[in-house]
């Protein structure tokens, strides 16, 4: 028998609150990757030569960007990856002011333009909804099986 899901947002994630967004990237299949805090240099095939010291994103989940509760664009709204990337670059995400969880969706609320990024249940059968890469090689994710795992 499987234990109950851990629905409590890990306290360590509070450290990403108020860090500035320093990287906005769209990967394969419309995946989204955002960086926050200090810029960390790296060598990669990505167009960006740095990551944020904090990274959040998803590989297989659908996600939506909203302003004032209205959909601006999403991973699965027939935009190409380049169009998603260009649209994302136009947004000023500022800093994260809140991370919230509602019925297996994770909502990231930003401090600018009433923007929210919502991570929905994965469309590809995967269980990961959202992940966070943190300083000191820490990792957290929210998945449909276990809830929050650090």
N, C-alpha and C. Protein backbone atom coordinates (compact mmCIF):
# COMPACT_ATOMS: atom_id res chain seq x y z
N UNK A 1 0.85 -1.19 0.00
CA UNK A 1 0.00 0.00 0.00
C UNK A 1 0.88 1.24 0.00
N UNK A 2 0.50 2.21 -0.78
CA UNK A 2 1.29 3.42 -0.92
C UNK A 2 0.93 4.42 0.18
N UNK A 3 1.94 5.07 0.73
CA UNK A 3 1.69 6.09 1.75
C UNK A 3 0.96 7.28 1.14
N UNK A 4 0.41 8.09 1.99
CA UNK A 4 -0.26 9.33 1.55
C UNK A 4 0.77 10.25 0.90
N UNK A 5 0.34 11.02 -0.08
CA UNK A 5 1.22 11.99 -0.73
C UNK A 5 1.59 13.10 0.25
N UNK A 6 2.82 13.56 0.15
CA UNK A 6 3.27 14.70 0.94
C UNK A 6 2.88 15.97 0.19
N UNK A 7 1.85 16.65 0.67
CA UNK A 7 1.34 17.84 -0.01
C UNK A 7 1.91 19.14 0.56
N UNK A 8 2.75 19.03 1.59
CA UNK A 8 3.31 20.24 2.18
C UNK A 8 4.50 20.71 1.35
N UNK A 9 4.44 21.94 0.87
CA UNK A 9 5.54 22.51 0.09
C UNK A 9 6.78 22.55 0.98
N UNK A 10 7.90 21.98 0.52
CA UNK A 10 9.11 21.94 1.35
C UNK A 10 9.55 23.34 1.77
N UNK A 11 9.82 23.52 3.06
CA UNK A 11 10.25 24.84 3.55
C UNK A 11 11.48 25.39 2.83
N UNK A 12 12.39 24.51 2.35
CA UNK A 12 13.60 24.99 1.67
C UNK A 12 13.26 25.81 0.43
N UNK A 13 12.11 25.56 -0.18
CA UNK A 13 11.74 26.31 -1.39
C UNK A 13 11.44 27.78 -1.10
N UNK A 14 11.24 28.12 0.17
CA UNK A 14 11.00 29.53 0.51
C UNK A 14 12.23 30.39 0.17
N UNK A 15 13.39 29.76 0.03
CA UNK A 15 14.61 30.51 -0.27
C UNK A 15 14.65 31.05 -1.70
N UNK A 16 13.77 30.54 -2.58
CA UNK A 16 13.72 31.06 -3.96
C UNK A 16 12.84 32.32 -4.03
N UNK A 17 12.01 32.52 -3.01
CA UNK A 17 11.12 33.69 -2.97
C UNK A 17 11.98 34.96 -2.98
N UNK A 18 11.60 35.91 -3.82
CA UNK A 18 12.25 37.22 -3.95
C UNK A 18 13.59 37.21 -4.67
N UNK A 19 14.03 36.05 -5.20
CA UNK A 19 15.23 36.05 -6.03
C UNK A 19 14.85 36.48 -7.45
N UNK A 20 15.68 37.30 -8.11
CA UNK A 20 15.33 37.77 -9.46
C UNK A 20 15.46 36.66 -10.50
N UNK A 21 14.57 36.68 -11.47
CA UNK A 21 14.64 35.76 -12.61
C UNK A 21 15.80 36.21 -13.49
N UNK A 22 16.72 35.28 -13.80
CA UNK A 22 17.89 35.63 -14.61
C UNK A 22 17.96 34.81 -15.90
N UNK A 23 17.05 33.85 -16.08
CA UNK A 23 17.09 33.01 -17.29
C UNK A 23 15.70 32.49 -17.59
N UNK A 24 15.33 32.58 -18.87
CA UNK A 24 14.04 32.05 -19.34
C UNK A 24 14.34 31.23 -20.58
N UNK A 25 13.99 29.95 -20.55
CA UNK A 25 14.37 29.05 -21.63
C UNK A 25 13.24 28.08 -21.94
N UNK A 26 13.04 27.81 -23.21
CA UNK A 26 12.11 26.78 -23.67
C UNK A 26 12.94 25.67 -24.29
N UNK A 27 12.76 24.45 -23.79
CA UNK A 27 13.51 23.31 -24.30
C UNK A 27 12.68 22.48 -25.26
N UNK A 28 13.14 21.25 -25.47
CA UNK A 28 12.44 20.35 -26.37
C UNK A 28 11.02 20.08 -25.88
N UNK A 29 10.13 19.84 -26.82
CA UNK A 29 8.74 19.49 -26.55
C UNK A 29 8.03 20.55 -25.69
N UNK A 30 8.48 21.80 -25.78
CA UNK A 30 7.83 22.87 -25.04
C UNK A 30 8.12 22.88 -23.55
N UNK A 31 9.18 22.18 -23.13
CA UNK A 31 9.53 22.21 -21.71
C UNK A 31 9.99 23.62 -21.35
N UNK A 32 9.80 23.99 -20.10
CA UNK A 32 10.19 25.34 -19.65
C UNK A 32 11.22 25.21 -18.54
N UNK A 33 12.21 26.12 -18.58
CA UNK A 33 13.25 26.17 -17.55
C UNK A 33 13.49 27.63 -17.20
N UNK A 34 13.36 27.95 -15.95
CA UNK A 34 13.59 29.31 -15.47
C UNK A 34 14.72 29.29 -14.45
N UNK A 35 15.56 30.33 -14.48
CA UNK A 35 16.65 30.46 -13.52
C UNK A 35 16.42 31.66 -12.63
N UNK A 36 16.82 31.53 -11.37
CA UNK A 36 16.64 32.60 -10.38
C UNK A 36 17.91 32.76 -9.55
N UNK A 37 18.14 33.98 -9.09
CA UNK A 37 19.30 34.26 -8.24
C UNK A 37 20.52 34.59 -9.07
N UNK A 38 21.68 34.22 -8.54
CA UNK A 38 22.95 34.50 -9.21
C UNK A 38 23.08 33.70 -10.49
N UNK A 39 23.73 34.29 -11.49
CA UNK A 39 24.02 33.59 -12.74
C UNK A 39 25.24 32.69 -12.53
N UNK A 40 25.10 31.42 -12.94
CA UNK A 40 26.19 30.45 -12.84
C UNK A 40 26.61 30.07 -14.26
N UNK A 41 27.87 30.36 -14.62
CA UNK A 41 28.36 30.06 -15.96
C UNK A 41 28.43 28.56 -16.20
N UNK A 42 28.24 28.17 -17.45
CA UNK A 42 28.37 26.77 -17.84
C UNK A 42 28.64 26.69 -19.33
N UNK A 43 29.08 25.53 -19.76
CA UNK A 43 29.27 25.28 -21.18
C UNK A 43 28.19 24.29 -21.59
N UNK A 44 27.40 24.68 -22.57
CA UNK A 44 26.27 23.85 -22.97
C UNK A 44 25.91 24.12 -24.41
N UNK A 45 25.13 23.22 -24.98
CA UNK A 45 24.61 23.45 -26.33
C UNK A 45 23.46 24.44 -26.31
N UNK A 46 22.91 24.74 -25.10
CA UNK A 46 21.85 25.75 -24.99
C UNK A 46 22.40 27.09 -25.46
N UNK A 47 21.51 27.96 -25.88
CA UNK A 47 21.95 29.28 -26.33
C UNK A 47 22.46 30.14 -25.18
N UNK A 48 21.98 29.88 -23.97
CA UNK A 48 22.41 30.66 -22.81
C UNK A 48 23.71 30.07 -22.26
N UNK A 49 24.61 30.92 -21.89
CA UNK A 49 25.90 30.48 -21.33
C UNK A 49 25.88 30.44 -19.80
N UNK A 50 24.71 30.54 -19.21
CA UNK A 50 24.61 30.50 -17.76
C UNK A 50 23.26 29.93 -17.35
N UNK A 51 23.21 29.46 -16.12
CA UNK A 51 21.97 29.06 -15.46
C UNK A 51 21.78 30.00 -14.29
N UNK A 52 20.64 29.91 -13.64
CA UNK A 52 20.47 30.56 -12.36
C UNK A 52 20.92 29.60 -11.28
N UNK A 53 21.31 30.13 -10.11
CA UNK A 53 21.70 29.23 -9.02
C UNK A 53 20.51 28.38 -8.57
N UNK A 54 19.31 28.86 -8.83
CA UNK A 54 18.07 28.09 -8.63
C UNK A 54 17.44 27.90 -9.99
N UNK A 55 16.98 26.68 -10.28
CA UNK A 55 16.32 26.41 -11.55
C UNK A 55 14.99 25.73 -11.26
N UNK A 56 13.96 26.14 -11.97
CA UNK A 56 12.70 25.42 -11.86
C UNK A 56 12.18 25.16 -13.25
N UNK A 57 11.41 24.10 -13.38
CA UNK A 57 10.88 23.78 -14.69
C UNK A 57 10.18 22.44 -14.70
N UNK A 58 9.96 21.96 -15.90
CA UNK A 58 9.34 20.66 -16.10
C UNK A 58 9.80 20.10 -17.42
N UNK A 59 9.77 18.79 -17.52
CA UNK A 59 10.11 18.14 -18.77
C UNK A 59 8.86 17.75 -19.54
N UNK A 60 7.90 17.10 -18.87
CA UNK A 60 6.76 16.56 -19.58
C UNK A 60 5.42 17.17 -19.25
N UNK A 61 5.36 17.96 -18.20
CA UNK A 61 4.07 18.52 -17.80
C UNK A 61 3.63 19.63 -18.74
N UNK A 62 2.34 19.81 -18.83
CA UNK A 62 1.82 20.98 -19.50
C UNK A 62 1.97 22.14 -18.52
N UNK A 63 2.16 23.30 -19.04
CA UNK A 63 2.24 24.50 -18.20
C UNK A 63 1.52 25.63 -18.92
N UNK A 64 1.09 26.59 -18.13
CA UNK A 64 0.38 27.76 -18.66
C UNK A 64 0.91 29.02 -17.99
N UNK A 65 1.04 30.09 -18.77
CA UNK A 65 1.40 31.39 -18.22
C UNK A 65 0.15 32.26 -18.27
N UNK A 66 -0.19 32.84 -17.12
CA UNK A 66 -1.39 33.66 -17.03
C UNK A 66 -1.05 35.05 -16.51
N UNK A 67 -1.87 36.02 -16.88
CA UNK A 67 -1.82 37.33 -16.26
C UNK A 67 -3.24 37.67 -15.84
N UNK A 68 -3.36 38.11 -14.61
CA UNK A 68 -4.67 38.41 -14.02
C UNK A 68 -5.64 37.25 -14.23
N UNK A 69 -5.12 36.02 -14.15
CA UNK A 69 -5.95 34.83 -14.28
C UNK A 69 -6.34 34.46 -15.70
N UNK A 70 -5.87 35.23 -16.68
CA UNK A 70 -6.20 34.95 -18.09
C UNK A 70 -5.00 34.33 -18.79
N UNK A 71 -5.25 33.29 -19.59
CA UNK A 71 -4.19 32.58 -20.30
C UNK A 71 -3.49 33.50 -21.31
N UNK A 72 -2.17 33.57 -21.23
CA UNK A 72 -1.36 34.28 -22.24
C UNK A 72 -0.90 33.27 -23.28
N UNK A 73 -0.27 32.18 -22.83
CA UNK A 73 0.19 31.10 -23.70
C UNK A 73 0.51 29.90 -22.84
N UNK A 74 0.68 28.73 -23.51
CA UNK A 74 0.98 27.51 -22.77
C UNK A 74 1.85 26.60 -23.62
N UNK A 75 2.34 25.54 -23.00
CA UNK A 75 3.21 24.59 -23.70
C UNK A 75 2.49 23.92 -24.85
N UNK A 76 1.20 23.75 -24.74
CA UNK A 76 0.47 22.96 -25.73
C UNK A 76 -0.60 23.78 -26.44
N UNK A 77 -0.23 24.98 -26.91
CA UNK A 77 -1.23 25.77 -27.65
C UNK A 77 -0.79 26.04 -29.09
N UNK A 78 -0.14 25.05 -29.68
CA UNK A 78 0.23 25.08 -31.10
C UNK A 78 1.25 26.16 -31.48
N UNK A 79 2.01 26.65 -30.52
CA UNK A 79 3.13 27.53 -30.85
C UNK A 79 4.37 26.66 -31.02
N UNK A 80 5.27 27.07 -31.90
CA UNK A 80 6.55 26.37 -32.02
C UNK A 80 7.39 26.68 -30.79
N UNK A 81 8.45 25.91 -30.59
CA UNK A 81 9.35 26.20 -29.47
C UNK A 81 9.95 27.59 -29.59
N UNK A 82 10.28 28.00 -30.82
CA UNK A 82 10.83 29.34 -31.03
C UNK A 82 9.80 30.41 -30.66
N UNK A 83 8.54 30.21 -31.05
CA UNK A 83 7.49 31.18 -30.69
C UNK A 83 7.27 31.22 -29.18
N UNK A 84 7.30 30.06 -28.53
CA UNK A 84 7.18 30.02 -27.07
C UNK A 84 8.34 30.79 -26.43
N UNK A 85 9.56 30.53 -26.93
CA UNK A 85 10.75 31.19 -26.40
C UNK A 85 10.65 32.70 -26.56
N UNK A 86 10.30 33.16 -27.76
CA UNK A 86 10.21 34.60 -28.01
C UNK A 86 9.13 35.25 -27.16
N UNK A 87 8.00 34.58 -26.99
CA UNK A 87 6.91 35.12 -26.16
C UNK A 87 7.36 35.20 -24.70
N UNK A 88 8.03 34.16 -24.23
CA UNK A 88 8.52 34.15 -22.85
C UNK A 88 9.53 35.26 -22.60
N UNK A 89 10.40 35.53 -23.58
CA UNK A 89 11.42 36.57 -23.42
C UNK A 89 10.80 37.95 -23.22
N UNK A 90 9.61 38.17 -23.75
CA UNK A 90 8.95 39.49 -23.66
C UNK A 90 8.40 39.76 -22.26
N UNK A 91 8.27 38.73 -21.45
CA UNK A 91 7.69 38.89 -20.11
C UNK A 91 8.76 39.26 -19.09
N UNK A 92 8.42 40.19 -18.21
CA UNK A 92 9.27 40.52 -17.07
C UNK A 92 8.75 39.71 -15.89
N UNK A 93 9.44 38.62 -15.56
CA UNK A 93 8.97 37.76 -14.47
C UNK A 93 9.32 38.32 -13.10
N UNK A 94 10.28 39.20 -13.02
CA UNK A 94 10.63 39.79 -11.73
C UNK A 94 11.11 38.71 -10.77
N UNK A 95 10.41 38.58 -9.65
CA UNK A 95 10.75 37.58 -8.65
C UNK A 95 9.52 36.73 -8.33
N UNK A 96 9.76 35.58 -7.74
CA UNK A 96 8.65 34.74 -7.27
C UNK A 96 8.18 35.30 -5.94
N UNK A 97 6.87 35.47 -5.81
CA UNK A 97 6.34 35.91 -4.51
C UNK A 97 5.64 34.79 -3.76
N UNK A 98 5.28 33.69 -4.48
CA UNK A 98 4.56 32.61 -3.81
C UNK A 98 4.61 31.33 -4.65
N UNK A 99 4.66 30.20 -3.96
CA UNK A 99 4.51 28.88 -4.56
C UNK A 99 3.31 28.24 -3.89
N UNK A 100 2.34 27.80 -4.69
CA UNK A 100 1.12 27.22 -4.13
C UNK A 100 0.79 25.92 -4.84
N UNK A 101 0.07 25.04 -4.15
CA UNK A 101 -0.32 23.74 -4.71
C UNK A 101 -1.83 23.60 -4.61
N UNK A 102 -2.46 23.23 -5.75
CA UNK A 102 -3.90 23.03 -5.81
C UNK A 102 -4.19 21.79 -6.63
N UNK A 103 -4.75 20.76 -6.04
CA UNK A 103 -5.20 19.58 -6.79
C UNK A 103 -4.20 19.10 -7.84
N UNK A 104 -3.01 18.79 -7.42
CA UNK A 104 -1.95 18.29 -8.29
C UNK A 104 -1.51 19.28 -9.36
N UNK A 105 -1.74 20.55 -9.16
CA UNK A 105 -1.14 21.59 -9.98
C UNK A 105 -0.31 22.48 -9.06
N UNK A 106 0.79 22.97 -9.57
CA UNK A 106 1.65 23.87 -8.80
C UNK A 106 1.61 25.23 -9.48
N UNK A 107 1.35 26.26 -8.68
CA UNK A 107 1.26 27.62 -9.21
C UNK A 107 2.39 28.46 -8.65
N UNK A 108 3.13 29.10 -9.55
CA UNK A 108 4.20 30.02 -9.19
C UNK A 108 3.67 31.43 -9.48
N UNK A 109 3.56 32.25 -8.45
CA UNK A 109 3.08 33.62 -8.62
C UNK A 109 4.26 34.58 -8.58
N UNK A 110 4.31 35.47 -9.57
CA UNK A 110 5.38 36.44 -9.69
C UNK A 110 4.93 37.80 -9.16
N UNK A 111 5.91 38.67 -8.90
CA UNK A 111 5.59 39.99 -8.33
C UNK A 111 5.32 41.05 -9.38
N UNK A 112 5.31 40.68 -10.67
CA UNK A 112 5.08 41.66 -11.72
C UNK A 112 3.86 41.30 -12.56
N UNK A 113 3.11 42.28 -12.94
CA UNK A 113 2.01 42.14 -13.90
C UNK A 113 1.00 41.05 -13.55
N UNK A 114 0.88 40.73 -12.25
CA UNK A 114 -0.04 39.67 -11.81
C UNK A 114 0.16 38.39 -12.62
N UNK A 115 1.44 38.06 -12.89
CA UNK A 115 1.78 36.87 -13.67
C UNK A 115 1.80 35.63 -12.81
N UNK A 116 1.33 34.51 -13.37
CA UNK A 116 1.38 33.21 -12.71
C UNK A 116 1.78 32.16 -13.74
N UNK A 117 2.58 31.21 -13.29
CA UNK A 117 2.96 30.07 -14.10
C UNK A 117 2.37 28.84 -13.41
N UNK A 118 1.53 28.12 -14.13
CA UNK A 118 0.86 26.97 -13.55
C UNK A 118 1.38 25.70 -14.23
N UNK A 119 1.83 24.76 -13.41
CA UNK A 119 2.26 23.45 -13.89
C UNK A 119 1.13 22.47 -13.65
N UNK A 120 0.66 21.86 -14.74
CA UNK A 120 -0.48 20.94 -14.69
C UNK A 120 0.00 19.49 -14.71
N UNK A 121 -0.93 18.58 -14.56
CA UNK A 121 -0.58 17.17 -14.64
C UNK A 121 0.10 16.89 -15.97
N UNK A 122 1.12 16.03 -15.97
CA UNK A 122 1.83 15.72 -17.22
C UNK A 122 0.91 15.13 -18.28
N UNK A 123 1.18 15.50 -19.51
CA UNK A 123 0.39 15.00 -20.64
C UNK A 123 0.97 13.69 -21.17
N UNK A 124 2.20 13.36 -20.78
CA UNK A 124 2.89 12.22 -21.39
C UNK A 124 2.92 10.96 -20.52
N UNK A 125 2.15 10.92 -19.46
CA UNK A 125 2.14 9.75 -18.60
C UNK A 125 3.21 9.78 -17.52
N UNK A 126 4.13 10.75 -17.57
CA UNK A 126 5.14 10.91 -16.53
C UNK A 126 4.44 11.33 -15.24
N UNK A 127 5.12 11.21 -14.12
CA UNK A 127 4.48 11.63 -12.87
C UNK A 127 4.99 12.99 -12.38
N UNK A 128 6.14 13.48 -12.92
CA UNK A 128 6.69 14.75 -12.46
C UNK A 128 5.85 15.93 -12.96
N UNK A 129 5.48 16.80 -12.05
CA UNK A 129 4.75 18.01 -12.40
C UNK A 129 5.72 19.18 -12.53
N UNK A 130 6.60 19.37 -11.54
CA UNK A 130 7.58 20.45 -11.56
C UNK A 130 8.80 20.02 -10.75
N UNK A 131 9.97 20.57 -11.13
CA UNK A 131 11.19 20.28 -10.37
C UNK A 131 11.95 21.57 -10.08
N UNK A 132 12.76 21.52 -9.03
CA UNK A 132 13.61 22.62 -8.61
C UNK A 132 15.02 22.09 -8.40
N UNK A 133 16.00 22.68 -9.08
CA UNK A 133 17.40 22.41 -8.79
C UNK A 133 17.88 23.57 -7.93
N UNK A 134 18.50 23.24 -6.80
CA UNK A 134 18.87 24.25 -5.82
C UNK A 134 20.38 24.25 -5.59
N UNK A 135 20.90 25.29 -4.94
CA UNK A 135 22.32 25.29 -4.59
C UNK A 135 22.67 24.05 -3.75
N UNK A 136 23.95 23.73 -3.70
CA UNK A 136 24.48 22.60 -2.92
C UNK A 136 23.94 21.25 -3.40
N UNK A 137 23.66 21.15 -4.71
CA UNK A 137 23.20 19.90 -5.32
C UNK A 137 21.92 19.36 -4.71
N UNK A 138 21.07 20.22 -4.21
CA UNK A 138 19.76 19.79 -3.71
C UNK A 138 18.75 19.81 -4.85
N UNK A 139 17.77 18.95 -4.74
CA UNK A 139 16.75 18.81 -5.77
C UNK A 139 15.41 18.57 -5.09
N UNK A 140 14.37 19.19 -5.61
CA UNK A 140 13.01 18.93 -5.12
C UNK A 140 12.10 18.79 -6.32
N UNK A 141 11.09 17.96 -6.17
CA UNK A 141 10.10 17.86 -7.23
C UNK A 141 8.74 17.58 -6.61
N UNK A 142 7.72 17.95 -7.37
CA UNK A 142 6.36 17.55 -7.05
C UNK A 142 5.95 16.55 -8.10
N UNK A 143 5.54 15.34 -7.66
CA UNK A 143 5.07 14.36 -8.62
C UNK A 143 3.74 13.79 -8.16
N UNK A 144 3.03 13.18 -9.09
CA UNK A 144 1.66 12.72 -8.84
C UNK A 144 1.60 11.52 -7.90
N UNK A 145 2.71 10.80 -7.76
CA UNK A 145 2.70 9.60 -6.92
C UNK A 145 3.01 9.95 -5.46
N UNK A 146 4.12 10.69 -5.25
CA UNK A 146 4.58 10.95 -3.89
C UNK A 146 4.27 12.34 -3.36
N UNK A 147 3.84 13.25 -4.22
CA UNK A 147 3.71 14.64 -3.79
C UNK A 147 5.09 15.29 -3.84
N UNK A 148 5.46 16.02 -2.80
CA UNK A 148 6.75 16.69 -2.74
C UNK A 148 7.83 15.74 -2.25
N UNK A 149 8.96 15.75 -2.96
CA UNK A 149 10.13 14.94 -2.58
C UNK A 149 11.34 15.85 -2.67
N UNK A 150 12.19 15.83 -1.64
CA UNK A 150 13.46 16.59 -1.65
C UNK A 150 14.59 15.59 -1.63
